[in-house]
Amino acid sequence: MLERQGFEYIAIDLDPNRVRNARQAGDPIVYGDGAHGEILDAVGLQACRRTRHYVADPVVSTAHLRAVRELRRDVPILVRTQDDSRLDELPRAGATEVVPEDVRSQP
């Protein structure tokens, strides 16, 4: 979706199979944990104009948001989430905008 909209991006994922398959498909992805500042530095967070997060687990998403905010207080962060049970926690952790998946997928 980001590519179709003309955005350059790099994905970070902890699933080695997903990373391998995405790389084979030519997608820009690295293996790593987005909750670690070293990984965020390595993928160029300092040069980002915005970030987009999609993590099924809200606890993991919160950790990612906090890691980004430690390094970049100014960058907008869009979070797409499957689990809307903790929507109020995501903005407190640093999300600029939160989009529940069920809302996003409706016409």
PDB file of N, CA and C in Angstrom:
ATOM      1  N   MET A   1       0.822  -1.183   0.000  1.00  0.00           N
ATOM      2  CA  MET A   1       0.000   0.000   0.000  1.00  0.00           C
ATOM      3  C   MET A   1       0.874   1.258   0.000  1.00  0.00           C
ATOM      4  N   LEU A   2       1.910   1.288   0.817  1.00  0.00           N
ATOM      5  CA  LEU A   2       2.760   2.472   0.888  1.00  0.00           C
ATOM      6  C   LEU A   2       3.448   2.736  -0.451  1.00  0.00           C
ATOM      7  N   GLU A   3       3.921   1.668  -1.079  1.00  0.00           N
ATOM      8  CA  GLU A   3       4.569   1.804  -2.386  1.00  0.00           C
ATOM      9  C   GLU A   3       3.620   2.410  -3.415  1.00  0.00           C
ATOM     10  N   ARG A   4       2.387   1.928  -3.426  1.00  0.00           N
ATOM     11  CA  ARG A   4       1.394   2.442  -4.382  1.00  0.00           C
ATOM     12  C   ARG A   4       1.132   3.924  -4.168  1.00  0.00           C
ATOM     13  N   GLN A   5       1.312   4.395  -2.934  1.00  0.00           N
ATOM     14  CA  GLN A   5       1.085   5.805  -2.626  1.00  0.00           C
ATOM     15  C   GLN A   5       2.356   6.636  -2.799  1.00  0.00           C
ATOM     16  N   GLY A   6       3.433   6.003  -3.268  1.00  0.00           N
ATOM     17  CA  GLY A   6       4.660   6.720  -3.561  1.00  0.00           C
ATOM     18  C   GLY A   6       5.596   6.916  -2.382  1.00  0.00           C
ATOM     19  N   PHE A   7       5.384   6.182  -1.311  1.00  0.00           N
ATOM     20  CA  PHE A   7       6.247   6.301  -0.128  1.00  0.00           C
ATOM     21  C   PHE A   7       7.387   5.299  -0.188  1.00  0.00           C
ATOM     22  N   GLU A   8       8.574   5.729   0.188  1.00  0.00           N
ATOM     23  CA  GLU A   8       9.669   4.809   0.415  1.00  0.00           C
ATOM     24  C   GLU A   8       9.509   4.306   1.845  1.00  0.00           C
ATOM     25  N   TYR A   9       9.835   3.057   2.067  1.00  0.00           N
ATOM     26  CA  TYR A   9       9.668   2.500   3.399  1.00  0.00           C
ATOM     27  C   TYR A   9      10.638   1.345   3.609  1.00  0.00           C
ATOM     28  N   ILE A  10      10.773   0.976   4.863  1.00  0.00           N
ATOM     29  CA  ILE A  10      11.470  -0.248   5.236  1.00  0.00           C
ATOM     30  C   ILE A  10      10.679  -0.875   6.370  1.00  0.00           C
ATOM     31  N   ALA A  11      10.463  -2.164   6.278  1.00  0.00           N
ATOM     32  CA  ALA A  11       9.707  -2.888   7.300  1.00  0.00           C
ATOM     33  C   ALA A  11      10.673  -3.591   8.241  1.00  0.00           C
ATOM     34  N   ILE A  12      10.239  -3.754   9.473  1.00  0.00           N
ATOM     35  CA  ILE A  12      10.999  -4.492  10.480  1.00  0.00           C
ATOM     36  C   ILE A  12      10.088  -5.597  10.991  1.00  0.00           C
ATOM     37  N   ASP A  13      10.604  -6.814  11.049  1.00  0.00           N
ATOM     38  CA  ASP A  13       9.770  -7.932  11.489  1.00  0.00           C
ATOM     39  C   ASP A  13      10.612  -8.950  12.234  1.00  0.00           C
ATOM     40  N   LEU A  14      10.011  -9.607  13.213  1.00  0.00           N
ATOM     41  CA  LEU A  14      10.688 -10.647  13.979  1.00  0.00           C
ATOM     42  C   LEU A  14      10.403 -12.054  13.474  1.00  0.00           C
ATOM     43  N   ASP A  15       9.585 -12.186  12.457  1.00  0.00           N
ATOM     44  CA  ASP A  15       9.268 -13.501  11.908  1.00  0.00           C
ATOM     45  C   ASP A  15      10.237 -13.794  10.764  1.00  0.00           C
ATOM     46  N   PRO A  16      11.191 -14.708  10.962  1.00  0.00           N
ATOM     47  CA  PRO A  16      12.195 -14.960   9.928  1.00  0.00           C
ATOM     48  C   PRO A  16      11.598 -15.453   8.610  1.00  0.00           C
ATOM     49  N   ASN A  17      10.522 -16.216   8.679  1.00  0.00           N
ATOM     50  CA  ASN A  17       9.880 -16.690   7.444  1.00  0.00           C
ATOM     51  C   ASN A  17       9.262 -15.527   6.675  1.00  0.00           C
ATOM     52  N   ARG A  18       8.599 -14.631   7.370  1.00  0.00           N
ATOM     53  CA  ARG A  18       7.999 -13.469   6.733  1.00  0.00           C
ATOM     54  C   ARG A  18       9.081 -12.582   6.114  1.00  0.00           C
ATOM     55  N   VAL A  19      10.177 -12.412   6.832  1.00  0.00           N
ATOM     56  CA  VAL A  19      11.276 -11.594   6.324  1.00  0.00           C
ATOM     57  C   VAL A  19      11.855 -12.232   5.062  1.00  0.00           C
ATOM     58  N   ARG A  20      12.122 -13.528   5.111  1.00  0.00           N
ATOM     59  CA  ARG A  20      12.674 -14.229   3.942  1.00  0.00           C
ATOM     60  C   ARG A  20      11.731 -14.120   2.738  1.00  0.00           C
ATOM     61  N   ASN A  21      10.450 -14.383   2.956  1.00  0.00           N
ATOM     62  CA  ASN A  21       9.482 -14.328   1.856  1.00  0.00           C
ATOM     63  C   ASN A  21       9.361 -12.922   1.281  1.00  0.00           C
ATOM     64  N   ALA A  22       9.354 -11.928   2.151  1.00  0.00           N
ATOM     65  CA  ALA A  22       9.251 -10.545   1.684  1.00  0.00           C
ATOM     66  C   ALA A  22      10.499 -10.135   0.905  1.00  0.00           C
ATOM     67  N   ARG A  23      11.651 -10.536   1.390  1.00  0.00           N
ATOM     68  CA  ARG A  23      12.890 -10.232   0.659  1.00  0.00           C
ATOM     69  C   ARG A  23      12.894 -10.891  -0.717  1.00  0.00           C
ATOM     70  N   GLN A  24      12.452 -12.140  -0.774  1.00  0.00           N
ATOM     71  CA  GLN A  24      12.384 -12.839  -2.059  1.00  0.00           C
ATOM     72  C   GLN A  24      11.421 -12.146  -3.011  1.00  0.00           C
ATOM     73  N   ALA A  25      10.403 -11.503  -2.473  1.00  0.00           N
ATOM     74  CA  ALA A  25       9.441 -10.768  -3.293  1.00  0.00           C
ATOM     75  C   ALA A  25       9.959  -9.371  -3.643  1.00  0.00           C
ATOM     76  N   GLY A  26      11.135  -9.017  -3.091  1.00  0.00           N
ATOM     77  CA  GLY A  26      11.720  -7.718  -3.393  1.00  0.00           C
ATOM     78  C   GLY A  26      11.305  -6.596  -2.474  1.00  0.00           C
ATOM     79  N   ASP A  27      10.655  -6.936  -1.372  1.00  0.00           N
ATOM     80  CA  ASP A  27      10.211  -5.913  -0.429  1.00  0.00           C
ATOM     81  C   ASP A  27      11.351  -5.493   0.493  1.00  0.00           C
ATOM     82  N   PRO A  28      11.416  -4.201   0.848  1.00  0.00           N
ATOM     83  CA  PRO A  28      12.454  -3.727   1.761  1.00  0.00           C
ATOM     84  C   PRO A  28      12.098  -4.062   3.207  1.00  0.00           C
ATOM     85  N   ILE A  29      12.753  -5.077   3.744  1.00  0.00           N
ATOM     86  CA  ILE A  29      12.438  -5.552   5.095  1.00  0.00           C
ATOM     87  C   ILE A  29      13.714  -6.036   5.762  1.00  0.00           C
ATOM     88  N   VAL A  30      13.771  -5.846   7.069  1.00  0.00           N
ATOM     89  CA  VAL A  30      14.896  -6.354   7.852  1.00  0.00           C
ATOM     90  C   VAL A  30      14.360  -7.163   9.019  1.00  0.00           C
ATOM     91  N   TYR A  31      15.172  -8.102   9.447  1.00  0.00           N
ATOM     92  CA  TYR A  31      14.838  -8.888  10.625  1.00  0.00           C
ATOM     93  C   TYR A  31      15.283  -8.096  11.846  1.00  0.00           C
ATOM     94  N   GLY A  32      14.389  -7.937  12.810  1.00  0.00           N
ATOM     95  CA  GLY A  32      14.759  -7.254  14.036  1.00  0.00           C
ATOM     96  C   GLY A  32      13.548  -6.887  14.855  1.00  0.00           C
ATOM     97  N   ASP A  33      13.808  -6.328  16.016  1.00  0.00           N
ATOM     98  CA  ASP A  33      12.757  -5.928  16.946  1.00  0.00           C
ATOM     99  C   ASP A  33      12.656  -4.404  16.935  1.00  0.00           C
ATOM    100  N   GLY A  34      11.555  -3.886  16.466  1.00  0.00           N
ATOM    101  CA  GLY A  34      11.337  -2.456  16.376  1.00  0.00           C
ATOM    102  C   GLY A  34      11.224  -1.754  17.712  1.00  0.00           C
ATOM    103  N   ALA A  35      11.311  -2.507  18.795  1.00  0.00           N
ATOM    104  CA  ALA A  35      11.297  -1.893  20.124  1.00  0.00           C
ATOM    105  C   ALA A  35      12.705  -1.559  20.601  1.00  0.00           C
ATOM    106  N   HIS A  36      13.696  -1.837  19.764  1.00  0.00           N
ATOM    107  CA  HIS A  36      15.088  -1.566  20.123  1.00  0.00           C
ATOM    108  C   HIS A  36      15.629  -0.395  19.315  1.00  0.00           C
ATOM    109  N   GLY A  37      16.124   0.591  20.021  1.00  0.00           N
ATOM    110  CA  GLY A  37      16.646   1.791  19.390  1.00  0.00           C
ATOM    111  C   GLY A  37      17.741   1.522  18.374  1.00  0.00           C
ATOM    112  N   GLU A  38      18.577   0.501  18.621  1.00  0.00           N
ATOM    113  CA  GLU A  38      19.652   0.183  17.687  1.00  0.00           C
ATOM    114  C   GLU A  38      19.099  -0.209  16.318  1.00  0.00           C
ATOM    115  N   ILE A  39      18.014  -0.958  16.324  1.00  0.00           N
ATOM    116  CA  ILE A  39      17.382  -1.367  15.060  1.00  0.00           C
ATOM    117  C   ILE A  39      16.794  -0.142  14.376  1.00  0.00           C
ATOM    118  N   LEU A  40      16.112   0.700  15.135  1.00  0.00           N
ATOM    119  CA  LEU A  40      15.508   1.899  14.552  1.00  0.00           C
ATOM    120  C   LEU A  40      16.574   2.824  13.970  1.00  0.00           C
ATOM    121  N   ASP A  41      17.698   2.949  14.655  1.00  0.00           N
ATOM    122  CA  ASP A  41      18.808   3.738  14.112  1.00  0.00           C
ATOM    123  C   ASP A  41      19.330   3.119  12.819  1.00  0.00           C
ATOM    124  N   ALA A  42      19.491   1.791  12.828  1.00  0.00           N
ATOM    125  CA  ALA A  42      20.053   1.094  11.670  1.00  0.00           C
ATOM    126  C   ALA A  42      19.182   1.230  10.416  1.00  0.00           C
ATOM    127  N   VAL A  43      17.869   1.335  10.596  1.00  0.00           N
ATOM    128  CA  VAL A  43      16.994   1.462   9.424  1.00  0.00           C
ATOM    129  C   VAL A  43      16.749   2.911   9.035  1.00  0.00           C
ATOM    130  N   GLY A  44      17.351   3.842   9.773  1.00  0.00           N
ATOM    131  CA  GLY A  44      17.282   5.242   9.377  1.00  0.00           C
ATOM    132  C   GLY A  44      16.139   6.046   9.958  1.00  0.00           C
ATOM    133  N   LEU A  45      15.746   5.746  11.183  1.00  0.00           N
ATOM    134  CA  LEU A  45      14.645   6.493  11.800  1.00  0.00           C
ATOM    135  C   LEU A  45      14.899   7.996  11.790  1.00  0.00           C
ATOM    136  N   GLN A  46      16.137   8.411  11.961  1.00  0.00           N
ATOM    137  CA  GLN A  46      16.436   9.843  12.015  1.00  0.00           C
ATOM    138  C   GLN A  46      16.056  10.570  10.727  1.00  0.00           C
ATOM    139  N   ALA A  47      16.014   9.856   9.611  1.00  0.00           N
ATOM    140  CA  ALA A  47      15.675  10.478   8.330  1.00  0.00           C
ATOM    141  C   ALA A  47      14.188  10.362   7.979  1.00  0.00           C
ATOM    142  N   CYS A  48      13.416   9.652   8.789  1.00  0.00           N
ATOM    143  CA  CYS A  48      11.997   9.428   8.486  1.00  0.00           C
ATOM    144  C   CYS A  48      11.170  10.693   8.678  1.00  0.00           C
ATOM    145  N   ARG A  49      10.204  10.862   7.787  1.00  0.00           N
ATOM    146  CA  ARG A  49       9.249  11.966   7.924  1.00  0.00           C
ATOM    147  C   ARG A  49       7.999  11.522   8.659  1.00  0.00           C
ATOM    148  N   ARG A  50       7.743  10.210   8.652  1.00  0.00           N
ATOM    149  CA  ARG A  50       6.609   9.647   9.379  1.00  0.00           C
ATOM    150  C   ARG A  50       6.861   8.154   9.537  1.00  0.00           C
ATOM    151  N   THR A  51       6.189   7.561  10.500  1.00  0.00           N
ATOM    152  CA  THR A  51       6.279   6.109  10.655  1.00  0.00           C
ATOM    153  C   THR A  51       4.873   5.537  10.694  1.00  0.00           C
ATOM    154  N   ARG A  52       4.787   4.285  10.330  1.00  0.00           N
ATOM    155  CA  ARG A  52       3.517   3.582  10.332  1.00  0.00           C
ATOM    156  C   ARG A  52       3.759   2.243  11.002  1.00  0.00           C
ATOM    157  N   HIS A  53       2.918   1.904  11.950  1.00  0.00           N
ATOM    158  CA  HIS A  53       3.085   0.665  12.700  1.00  0.00           C
ATOM    159  C   HIS A  53       1.862  -0.203  12.542  1.00  0.00           C
ATOM    160  N   TYR A  54       2.120  -1.467  12.292  1.00  0.00           N
ATOM    161  CA  TYR A  54       1.050  -2.451  12.300  1.00  0.00           C
ATOM    162  C   TYR A  54       1.554  -3.648  13.080  1.00  0.00           C
ATOM    163  N   VAL A  55       1.064  -3.794  14.283  1.00  0.00           N
ATOM    164  CA  VAL A  55       1.445  -4.892  15.148  1.00  0.00           C
ATOM    165  C   VAL A  55       0.154  -5.423  15.759  1.00  0.00           C
ATOM    166  N   ALA A  56      -0.058  -6.726  15.655  1.00  0.00           N
ATOM    167  CA  ALA A  56      -1.300  -7.315  16.159  1.00  0.00           C
ATOM    168  C   ALA A  56      -1.413  -7.203  17.681  1.00  0.00           C
ATOM    169  N   ASP A  57      -0.312  -7.269  18.377  1.00  0.00           N
ATOM    170  CA  ASP A  57      -0.312  -7.251  19.838  1.00  0.00           C
ATOM    171  C   ASP A  57      -0.129  -5.820  20.346  1.00  0.00           C
ATOM    172  N   PRO A  58      -1.111  -5.269  21.059  1.00  0.00           N
ATOM    173  CA  PRO A  58      -1.002  -3.888  21.521  1.00  0.00           C
ATOM    174  C   PRO A  58       0.146  -3.655  22.505  1.00  0.00           C
ATOM    175  N   VAL A  59       0.542  -4.665  23.257  1.00  0.00           N
ATOM    176  CA  VAL A  59       1.665  -4.521  24.180  1.00  0.00           C
ATOM    177  C   VAL A  59       2.956  -4.325  23.388  1.00  0.00           C
ATOM    178  N   VAL A  60       3.128  -5.105  22.328  1.00  0.00           N
ATOM    179  CA  VAL A  60       4.303  -4.974  21.464  1.00  0.00           C
ATOM    180  C   VAL A  60       4.268  -3.625  20.759  1.00  0.00           C
ATOM    181  N   SER A  61       3.111  -3.234  20.277  1.00  0.00           N
ATOM    182  CA  SER A  61       2.977  -1.946  19.607  1.00  0.00           C
ATOM    183  C   SER A  61       3.352  -0.798  20.532  1.00  0.00           C
ATOM    184  N   THR A  62       2.929  -0.876  21.776  1.00  0.00           N
ATOM    185  CA  THR A  62       3.270   0.154  22.756  1.00  0.00           C
ATOM    186  C   THR A  62       4.779   0.230  22.956  1.00  0.00           C
ATOM    187  N   ALA A  63       5.448  -0.905  23.012  1.00  0.00           N
ATOM    188  CA  ALA A  63       6.911  -0.917  23.156  1.00  0.00           C
ATOM    189  C   ALA A  63       7.578  -0.276  21.946  1.00  0.00           C
ATOM    190  N   HIS A  64       7.068  -0.550  20.748  1.00  0.00           N
ATOM    191  CA  HIS A  64       7.615   0.054  19.531  1.00  0.00           C
ATOM    192  C   HIS A  64       7.434   1.572  19.549  1.00  0.00           C
ATOM    193  N   LEU A  65       6.253   2.011  19.942  1.00  0.00           N
ATOM    194  CA  LEU A  65       5.976   3.445  19.994  1.00  0.00           C
ATOM    195  C   LEU A  65       6.915   4.160  20.958  1.00  0.00           C
ATOM    196  N   ARG A  66       7.088   3.579  22.106  1.00  0.00           N
ATOM    197  CA  ARG A  66       7.974   4.204  23.098  1.00  0.00           C
ATOM    198  C   ARG A  66       9.414   4.276  22.597  1.00  0.00           C
ATOM    199  N   ALA A  67       9.858   3.235  21.891  1.00  0.00           N
ATOM    200  CA  ALA A  67      11.220   3.235  21.343  1.00  0.00           C
ATOM    201  C   ALA A  67      11.382   4.335  20.301  1.00  0.00           C
ATOM    202  N   VAL A  68      10.384   4.501  19.433  1.00  0.00           N
ATOM    203  CA  VAL A  68      10.443   5.572  18.433  1.00  0.00           C
ATOM    204  C   VAL A  68      10.458   6.923  19.131  1.00  0.00           C
ATOM    205  N   ARG A  69       9.600   7.098  20.109  1.00  0.00           N
ATOM    206  CA  ARG A  69       9.506   8.387  20.807  1.00  0.00           C
ATOM    207  C   ARG A  69      10.783   8.739  21.577  1.00  0.00           C
ATOM    208  N   GLU A  70      11.503   7.743  22.040  1.00  0.00           N
ATOM    209  CA  GLU A  70      12.772   8.019  22.714  1.00  0.00           C
ATOM    210  C   GLU A  70      13.769   8.663  21.757  1.00  0.00           C
ATOM    211  N   LEU A  71      13.695   8.252  20.491  1.00  0.00           N
ATOM    212  CA  LEU A  71      14.644   8.757  19.498  1.00  0.00           C
ATOM    213  C   LEU A  71      14.108   9.948  18.720  1.00  0.00           C
ATOM    214  N   ARG A  72      12.801   9.988  18.507  1.00  0.00           N
ATOM    215  CA  ARG A  72      12.184  11.037  17.696  1.00  0.00           C
ATOM    216  C   ARG A  72      10.867  11.462  18.316  1.00  0.00           C
ATOM    217  N   ARG A  73      10.851  12.589  18.976  1.00  0.00           N
ATOM    218  CA  ARG A  73       9.615  13.108  19.561  1.00  0.00           C
ATOM    219  C   ARG A  73       8.740  13.765  18.507  1.00  0.00           C
ATOM    220  N   ASP A  74       9.326  14.153  17.376  1.00  0.00           N
ATOM    221  CA  ASP A  74       8.640  14.975  16.383  1.00  0.00           C
ATOM    222  C   ASP A  74       7.964  14.206  15.253  1.00  0.00           C
ATOM    223  N   VAL A  75       8.310  12.966  15.036  1.00  0.00           N
ATOM    224  CA  VAL A  75       7.824  12.251  13.860  1.00  0.00           C
ATOM    225  C   VAL A  75       6.380  11.767  14.070  1.00  0.00           C
ATOM    226  N   PRO A  76       5.497  11.989  13.085  1.00  0.00           N
ATOM    227  CA  PRO A  76       4.134  11.456  13.196  1.00  0.00           C
ATOM    228  C   PRO A  76       4.143   9.928  13.126  1.00  0.00           C
ATOM    229  N   ILE A  77       3.331   9.303  13.952  1.00  0.00           N
ATOM    230  CA  ILE A  77       3.251   7.842  13.984  1.00  0.00           C
ATOM    231  C   ILE A  77       1.800   7.411  13.808  1.00  0.00           C
ATOM    232  N   LEU A  78       1.521   6.708  12.719  1.00  0.00           N
ATOM    233  CA  LEU A  78       0.208   6.123  12.467  1.00  0.00           C
ATOM    234  C   LEU A  78       0.261   4.668  12.901  1.00  0.00           C
ATOM    235  N   VAL A  79      -0.702   4.239  13.692  1.00  0.00           N
ATOM    236  CA  VAL A  79      -0.766   2.858  14.157  1.00  0.00           C
ATOM    237  C   VAL A  79      -2.053   2.230  13.646  1.00  0.00           C
ATOM    238  N   ARG A  80      -1.905   1.106  12.994  1.00  0.00           N
ATOM    239  CA  ARG A  80      -3.066   0.305  12.599  1.00  0.00           C
ATOM    240  C   ARG A  80      -3.085  -0.903  13.519  1.00  0.00           C
ATOM    241  N   THR A  81      -4.222  -1.190  14.108  1.00  0.00           N
ATOM    242  CA  THR A  81      -4.293  -2.262  15.097  1.00  0.00           C
ATOM    243  C   THR A  81      -5.489  -3.172  14.867  1.00  0.00           C
ATOM    244  N   GLN A  82      -5.278  -4.461  15.124  1.00  0.00           N
ATOM    245  CA  GLN A  82      -6.367  -5.433  15.067  1.00  0.00           C
ATOM    246  C   GLN A  82      -7.135  -5.459  16.377  1.00  0.00           C
ATOM    247  N   ASP A  83      -6.447  -5.184  17.466  1.00  0.00           N
ATOM    248  CA  ASP A  83      -7.023  -5.288  18.806  1.00  0.00           C
ATOM    249  C   ASP A  83      -7.379  -3.895  19.310  1.00  0.00           C
ATOM    250  N   ASP A  84      -8.667  -3.595  19.376  1.00  0.00           N
ATOM    251  CA  ASP A  84      -9.072  -2.254  19.813  1.00  0.00           C
ATOM    252  C   ASP A  84      -9.363  -2.185  21.314  1.00  0.00           C
ATOM    253  N   SER A  85      -8.977  -3.219  22.054  1.00  0.00           N
ATOM    254  CA  SER A  85      -9.252  -3.233  23.488  1.00  0.00           C
ATOM    255  C   SER A  85      -8.395  -2.247  24.270  1.00  0.00           C
ATOM    256  N   ARG A  86      -7.294  -1.761  23.672  1.00  0.00           N
ATOM    257  CA  ARG A  86      -6.393  -0.849  24.371  1.00  0.00           C
ATOM    258  C   ARG A  86      -6.116   0.399  23.534  1.00  0.00           C
ATOM    259  N   LEU A  87      -7.107   0.856  22.815  1.00  0.00           N
ATOM    260  CA  LEU A  87      -6.915   2.012  21.936  1.00  0.00           C
ATOM    261  C   LEU A  87      -6.431   3.251  22.679  1.00  0.00           C
ATOM    262  N   ASP A  88      -6.865   3.422  23.913  1.00  0.00           N
ATOM    263  CA  ASP A  88      -6.466   4.607  24.678  1.00  0.00           C
ATOM    264  C   ASP A  88      -4.987   4.593  25.059  1.00  0.00           C
ATOM    265  N   GLU A  89      -4.359   3.414  25.129  1.00  0.00           N
ATOM    266  CA  GLU A  89      -2.946   3.314  25.507  1.00  0.00           C
ATOM    267  C   GLU A  89      -2.005   3.749  24.388  1.00  0.00           C
ATOM    268  N   LEU A  90      -2.400   3.547  23.153  1.00  0.00           N
ATOM    269  CA  LEU A  90      -1.505   3.819  22.028  1.00  0.00           C
ATOM    270  C   LEU A  90      -1.154   5.304  21.889  1.00  0.00           C
ATOM    271  N   PRO A  91      -2.108   6.226  21.979  1.00  0.00           N
ATOM    272  CA  PRO A  91      -1.728   7.642  21.950  1.00  0.00           C
ATOM    273  C   PRO A  91      -0.853   8.041  23.135  1.00  0.00           C
ATOM    274  N   ARG A  92      -1.119   7.478  24.296  1.00  0.00           N
ATOM    275  CA  ARG A  92      -0.281   7.781  25.459  1.00  0.00           C
ATOM    276  C   ARG A  92       1.146   7.294  25.267  1.00  0.00           C
ATOM    277  N   ALA A  93       1.317   6.221  24.487  1.00  0.00           N
ATOM    278  CA  ALA A  93       2.649   5.682  24.217  1.00  0.00           C
ATOM    279  C   ALA A  93       3.350   6.435  23.099  1.00  0.00           C
ATOM    280  N   GLY A  94       2.600   7.287  22.368  1.00  0.00           N
ATOM    281  CA  GLY A  94       3.244   8.087  21.332  1.00  0.00           C
ATOM    282  C   GLY A  94       2.578   8.107  19.974  1.00  0.00           C
ATOM    283  N   ALA A  95       1.511   7.340  19.788  1.00  0.00           N
ATOM    284  CA  ALA A  95       0.831   7.332  18.487  1.00  0.00           C
ATOM    285  C   ALA A  95       0.194   8.684  18.201  1.00  0.00           C
ATOM    286  N   THR A  96       0.380   9.154  16.986  1.00  0.00           N
ATOM    287  CA  THR A  96      -0.255  10.387  16.544  1.00  0.00           C
ATOM    288  C   THR A  96      -1.683  10.104  16.111  1.00  0.00           C
ATOM    289  N   GLU A  97      -1.859   8.954  15.445  1.00  0.00           N
ATOM    290  CA  GLU A  97      -3.184   8.543  14.973  1.00  0.00           C
ATOM    291  C   GLU A  97      -3.290   7.034  15.101  1.00  0.00           C
ATOM    292  N   VAL A  98      -4.465   6.549  15.527  1.00  0.00           N
ATOM    293  CA  VAL A  98      -4.708   5.122  15.672  1.00  0.00           C
ATOM    294  C   VAL A  98      -5.907   4.756  14.812  1.00  0.00           C
ATOM    295  N   VAL A  99      -5.716   3.738  13.962  1.00  0.00           N
ATOM    296  CA  VAL A  99      -6.771   3.288  13.076  1.00  0.00           C
ATOM    297  C   VAL A  99      -7.065   1.824  13.364  1.00  0.00           C
ATOM    298  N   PRO A 100      -8.215   1.526  13.996  1.00  0.00           N
ATOM    299  CA  PRO A 100      -8.582   0.125  14.188  1.00  0.00           C
ATOM    300  C   PRO A 100      -8.808  -0.533  12.835  1.00  0.00           C
ATOM    301  N   GLU A 101      -8.330  -1.758  12.686  1.00  0.00           N
ATOM    302  CA  GLU A 101      -8.410  -2.431  11.395  1.00  0.00           C
ATOM    303  C   GLU A 101      -9.829  -2.571  10.887  1.00  0.00           C
ATOM    304  N   ASP A 102     -10.795  -2.849  11.759  1.00  0.00           N
ATOM    305  CA  ASP A 102     -12.155  -3.037  11.304  1.00  0.00           C
ATOM    306  C   ASP A 102     -12.713  -1.738  10.700  1.00  0.00           C
ATOM    307  N   VAL A 103     -12.311  -0.582  11.216  1.00  0.00           N
ATOM    308  CA  VAL A 103     -12.743   0.698  10.659  1.00  0.00           C
ATOM    309  C   VAL A 103     -12.070   0.941   9.323  1.00  0.00           C
ATOM    310  N   ARG A 104     -10.774   0.663   9.238  1.00  0.00           N
ATOM    311  CA  ARG A 104     -10.003   0.864   8.023  1.00  0.00           C
ATOM    312  C   ARG A 104     -10.551   0.037   6.858  1.00  0.00           C
ATOM    313  N   SER A 105     -11.020  -1.180   7.168  1.00  0.00           N
ATOM    314  CA  SER A 105     -11.432  -2.074   6.096  1.00  0.00           C
ATOM    315  C   SER A 105     -12.855  -1.823   5.609  1.00  0.00           C
ATOM    316  N   GLN A 106     -13.600  -0.977   6.292  1.00  0.00           N
ATOM    317  CA  GLN A 106     -14.966  -0.688   5.841  1.00  0.00           C
ATOM    318  C   GLN A 106     -14.943   0.300   4.690  1.00  0.00           C
ATOM    319  N   PRO A 107     -15.941   0.207   3.791  1.00  0.00           N
ATOM    320  CA  PRO A 107     -15.984   1.146   2.661  1.00  0.00           C
ATOM    321  C   PRO A 107     -16.278   2.571   3.084  1.00  0.00           C
TER     322      PRO A 107
END
